Amino acid sequence: MLNKYGQQFIFKCNLNAKETEKLEIKSRFLKDILLAWSNVNFKDDISNIGKRIIWNNTNIKSNIKPFFLHDWADKGIVFIEHIYDYRNKHFFSFNEIHNL
């Protein structure tokens, strides 16, 4: 049911209630659980940004909605710090990330 969103990984993510409501989940019970979780868990601040999870994050969107990339998550790319080069102060290029 939650494969599209990373299975149980979604419970570690930072989705607000508005974005959670938009998820394409058929089970109303499961959606209600996620809504309750997002109401308790969502953090709107951006302090310590490098430690924020990229996936299913209300503050990080592609095509105006949060997203999850299985291939990248499977390679261990989870936090913003995994795609940001602190030495040069820029995000890694797609090719650099692709070669991880």
C-alpha atoms as a PDB file:
ATOM      1  CA  MET A   1       0.000   0.000   0.000  1.00  0.00           C
ATOM      2  CA  LEU A   2       2.810   2.432   0.775  1.00  0.00           C
ATOM      3  CA  ASN A   3       5.406   1.120  -1.682  1.00  0.00           C
ATOM      4  CA  LYS A   4       5.162   4.287  -3.775  1.00  0.00           C
ATOM      5  CA  TYR A   5       6.140   6.296  -0.683  1.00  0.00           C
ATOM      6  CA  GLY A   6       8.883   4.041   0.705  1.00  0.00           C
ATOM      7  CA  GLN A   7       6.793   1.692   2.865  1.00  0.00           C
ATOM      8  CA  GLN A   8       7.345   2.360   6.598  1.00  0.00           C
ATOM      9  CA  PHE A   9      10.023   4.931   5.683  1.00  0.00           C
ATOM     10  CA  ILE A  10       7.215   7.465   5.242  1.00  0.00           C
ATOM     11  CA  PHE A  11       6.880   7.599   9.036  1.00  0.00           C
ATOM     12  CA  LYS A  12      10.391   9.091   9.244  1.00  0.00           C
ATOM     13  CA  CYS A  13       9.617  11.817   6.713  1.00  0.00           C
ATOM     14  CA  ASN A  14       8.423  15.400   7.129  1.00  0.00           C
ATOM     15  CA  LEU A  15       4.977  15.743   5.548  1.00  0.00           C
ATOM     16  CA  ASN A  16       2.379  18.200   6.774  1.00  0.00           C
ATOM     17  CA  ALA A  17      -1.298  17.245   6.987  1.00  0.00           C
ATOM     18  CA  LYS A  18      -2.175  19.052   3.727  1.00  0.00           C
ATOM     19  CA  GLU A  19       0.415  17.053   1.745  1.00  0.00           C
ATOM     20  CA  THR A  20      -0.480  13.828   3.551  1.00  0.00           C
ATOM     21  CA  GLU A  21      -4.122  14.250   2.560  1.00  0.00           C
ATOM     22  CA  LYS A  22      -3.051  14.409  -1.111  1.00  0.00           C
ATOM     23  CA  LEU A  23      -1.289  11.010  -1.001  1.00  0.00           C
ATOM     24  CA  GLU A  24      -2.879   8.405  -3.238  1.00  0.00           C
ATOM     25  CA  ILE A  25      -3.703   5.853  -0.532  1.00  0.00           C
ATOM     26  CA  LYS A  26      -6.909   3.854  -0.922  1.00  0.00           C
ATOM     27  CA  SER A  27      -7.194   2.743   2.695  1.00  0.00           C
ATOM     28  CA  ARG A  28      -8.916   5.516   4.659  1.00  0.00           C
ATOM     29  CA  PHE A  29      -7.713   3.884   7.889  1.00  0.00           C
ATOM     30  CA  LEU A  30      -4.082   4.034   6.796  1.00  0.00           C
ATOM     31  CA  LYS A  31      -4.461   7.601   5.563  1.00  0.00           C
ATOM     32  CA  ASP A  32      -5.960   8.597   8.934  1.00  0.00           C
ATOM     33  CA  ILE A  33      -2.982   7.039  10.712  1.00  0.00           C
ATOM     34  CA  LEU A  34      -0.584   9.003   8.482  1.00  0.00           C
ATOM     35  CA  LEU A  35      -2.565  12.208   9.046  1.00  0.00           C
ATOM     36  CA  ALA A  36      -2.385  11.766  12.810  1.00  0.00           C
ATOM     37  CA  TRP A  37       1.328  11.034  12.530  1.00  0.00           C
ATOM     38  CA  SER A  38       1.982  14.100  10.374  1.00  0.00           C
ATOM     39  CA  ASN A  39       0.073  16.324  12.821  1.00  0.00           C
ATOM     40  CA  VAL A  40       2.411  15.198  15.606  1.00  0.00           C
ATOM     41  CA  ASN A  41       5.653  14.819  13.647  1.00  0.00           C
ATOM     42  CA  PHE A  42       5.764  17.658  11.076  1.00  0.00           C
ATOM     43  CA  LYS A  43       8.480  20.292  11.605  1.00  0.00           C
ATOM     44  CA  ASP A  44       8.191  23.525   9.648  1.00  0.00           C
ATOM     45  CA  ASP A  45      11.575  24.947  10.631  1.00  0.00           C
ATOM     46  CA  ILE A  46      14.671  24.520   8.483  1.00  0.00           C
ATOM     47  CA  SER A  47      17.295  24.508  11.217  1.00  0.00           C
ATOM     48  CA  ASN A  48      19.954  21.836  10.802  1.00  0.00           C
ATOM     49  CA  ILE A  49      18.858  21.460   7.189  1.00  0.00           C
ATOM     50  CA  GLY A  50      21.544  18.919   6.318  1.00  0.00           C
ATOM     51  CA  LYS A  51      19.931  16.368   8.622  1.00  0.00           C
ATOM     52  CA  ARG A  52      16.500  16.689   7.021  1.00  0.00           C
ATOM     53  CA  ILE A  53      15.192  13.758   5.030  1.00  0.00           C
ATOM     54  CA  ILE A  54      14.810  14.556   1.341  1.00  0.00           C
ATOM     55  CA  TRP A  55      11.988  12.133   0.558  1.00  0.00           C
ATOM     56  CA  ASN A  56       8.323  12.796   1.273  1.00  0.00           C
ATOM     57  CA  ASN A  57       9.232  16.214   2.620  1.00  0.00           C
ATOM     58  CA  THR A  58       6.725  19.072   2.421  1.00  0.00           C
ATOM     59  CA  ASN A  59       9.598  21.538   2.016  1.00  0.00           C
ATOM     60  CA  ILE A  60      11.258  19.682  -0.900  1.00  0.00           C
ATOM     61  CA  LYS A  61       9.143  19.164  -3.992  1.00  0.00           C
ATOM     62  CA  SER A  62       9.282  18.070  -7.596  1.00  0.00           C
ATOM     63  CA  ASN A  63       6.408  19.090  -9.853  1.00  0.00           C
ATOM     64  CA  ILE A  64       4.810  20.863  -6.866  1.00  0.00           C
ATOM     65  CA  LYS A  65       4.581  17.790  -4.649  1.00  0.00           C
ATOM     66  CA  PRO A  66       6.821  15.834  -2.276  1.00  0.00           C
ATOM     67  CA  PHE A  67       8.395  12.755  -3.807  1.00  0.00           C
ATOM     68  CA  PHE A  68      10.291   9.536  -3.094  1.00  0.00           C
ATOM     69  CA  LEU A  69      12.978   7.976  -5.322  1.00  0.00           C
ATOM     70  CA  HIS A  70      13.437   4.310  -4.469  1.00  0.00           C
ATOM     71  CA  ASP A  71      16.730   3.955  -6.348  1.00  0.00           C
ATOM     72  CA  TRP A  72      18.349   6.874  -4.542  1.00  0.00           C
ATOM     73  CA  ALA A  73      17.037   5.852  -1.124  1.00  0.00           C
ATOM     74  CA  ASP A  74      18.279   2.294  -1.741  1.00  0.00           C
ATOM     75  CA  LYS A  75      21.757   3.749  -2.396  1.00  0.00           C
ATOM     76  CA  GLY A  76      21.661   5.468   0.988  1.00  0.00           C
ATOM     77  CA  ILE A  77      20.805   8.949  -0.255  1.00  0.00           C
ATOM     78  CA  VAL A  78      18.367  10.007   2.425  1.00  0.00           C
ATOM     79  CA  PHE A  79      19.418  13.325   3.960  1.00  0.00           C
ATOM     80  CA  ILE A  80      20.134  16.652   2.304  1.00  0.00           C
ATOM     81  CA  GLU A  81      23.750  16.349   3.444  1.00  0.00           C
ATOM     82  CA  HIS A  82      24.081  13.322   1.149  1.00  0.00           C
ATOM     83  CA  ILE A  83      23.617  15.504  -1.928  1.00  0.00           C
ATOM     84  CA  TYR A  84      25.372  18.669  -0.748  1.00  0.00           C
ATOM     85  CA  ASP A  85      29.127  19.282  -0.883  1.00  0.00           C
ATOM     86  CA  TYR A  86      29.940  21.318   2.223  1.00  0.00           C
ATOM     87  CA  ARG A  87      33.534  21.887   1.082  1.00  0.00           C
ATOM     88  CA  ASN A  88      32.502  23.682  -2.123  1.00  0.00           C
ATOM     89  CA  LYS A  89      29.123  24.856  -0.840  1.00  0.00           C
ATOM     90  CA  HIS A  90      27.025  23.515  -3.695  1.00  0.00           C
ATOM     91  CA  PHE A  91      24.799  20.570  -4.433  1.00  0.00           C
ATOM     92  CA  PHE A  92      26.349  17.618  -6.213  1.00  0.00           C
ATOM     93  CA  SER A  93      25.506  17.351  -9.905  1.00  0.00           C
ATOM     94  CA  PHE A  94      23.160  14.651 -11.125  1.00  0.00           C
ATOM     95  CA  ASN A  95      26.160  12.765 -12.581  1.00  0.00           C
ATOM     96  CA  GLU A  96      28.017  12.885  -9.256  1.00  0.00           C
ATOM     97  CA  ILE A  97      24.968  11.565  -7.421  1.00  0.00           C
ATOM     98  CA  HIS A  98      24.302   8.961 -10.099  1.00  0.00           C
ATOM     99  CA  ASN A  99      27.836   7.570  -9.658  1.00  0.00           C
ATOM    100  CA  LEU A 100      27.536   7.081  -5.884  1.00  0.00           C
END
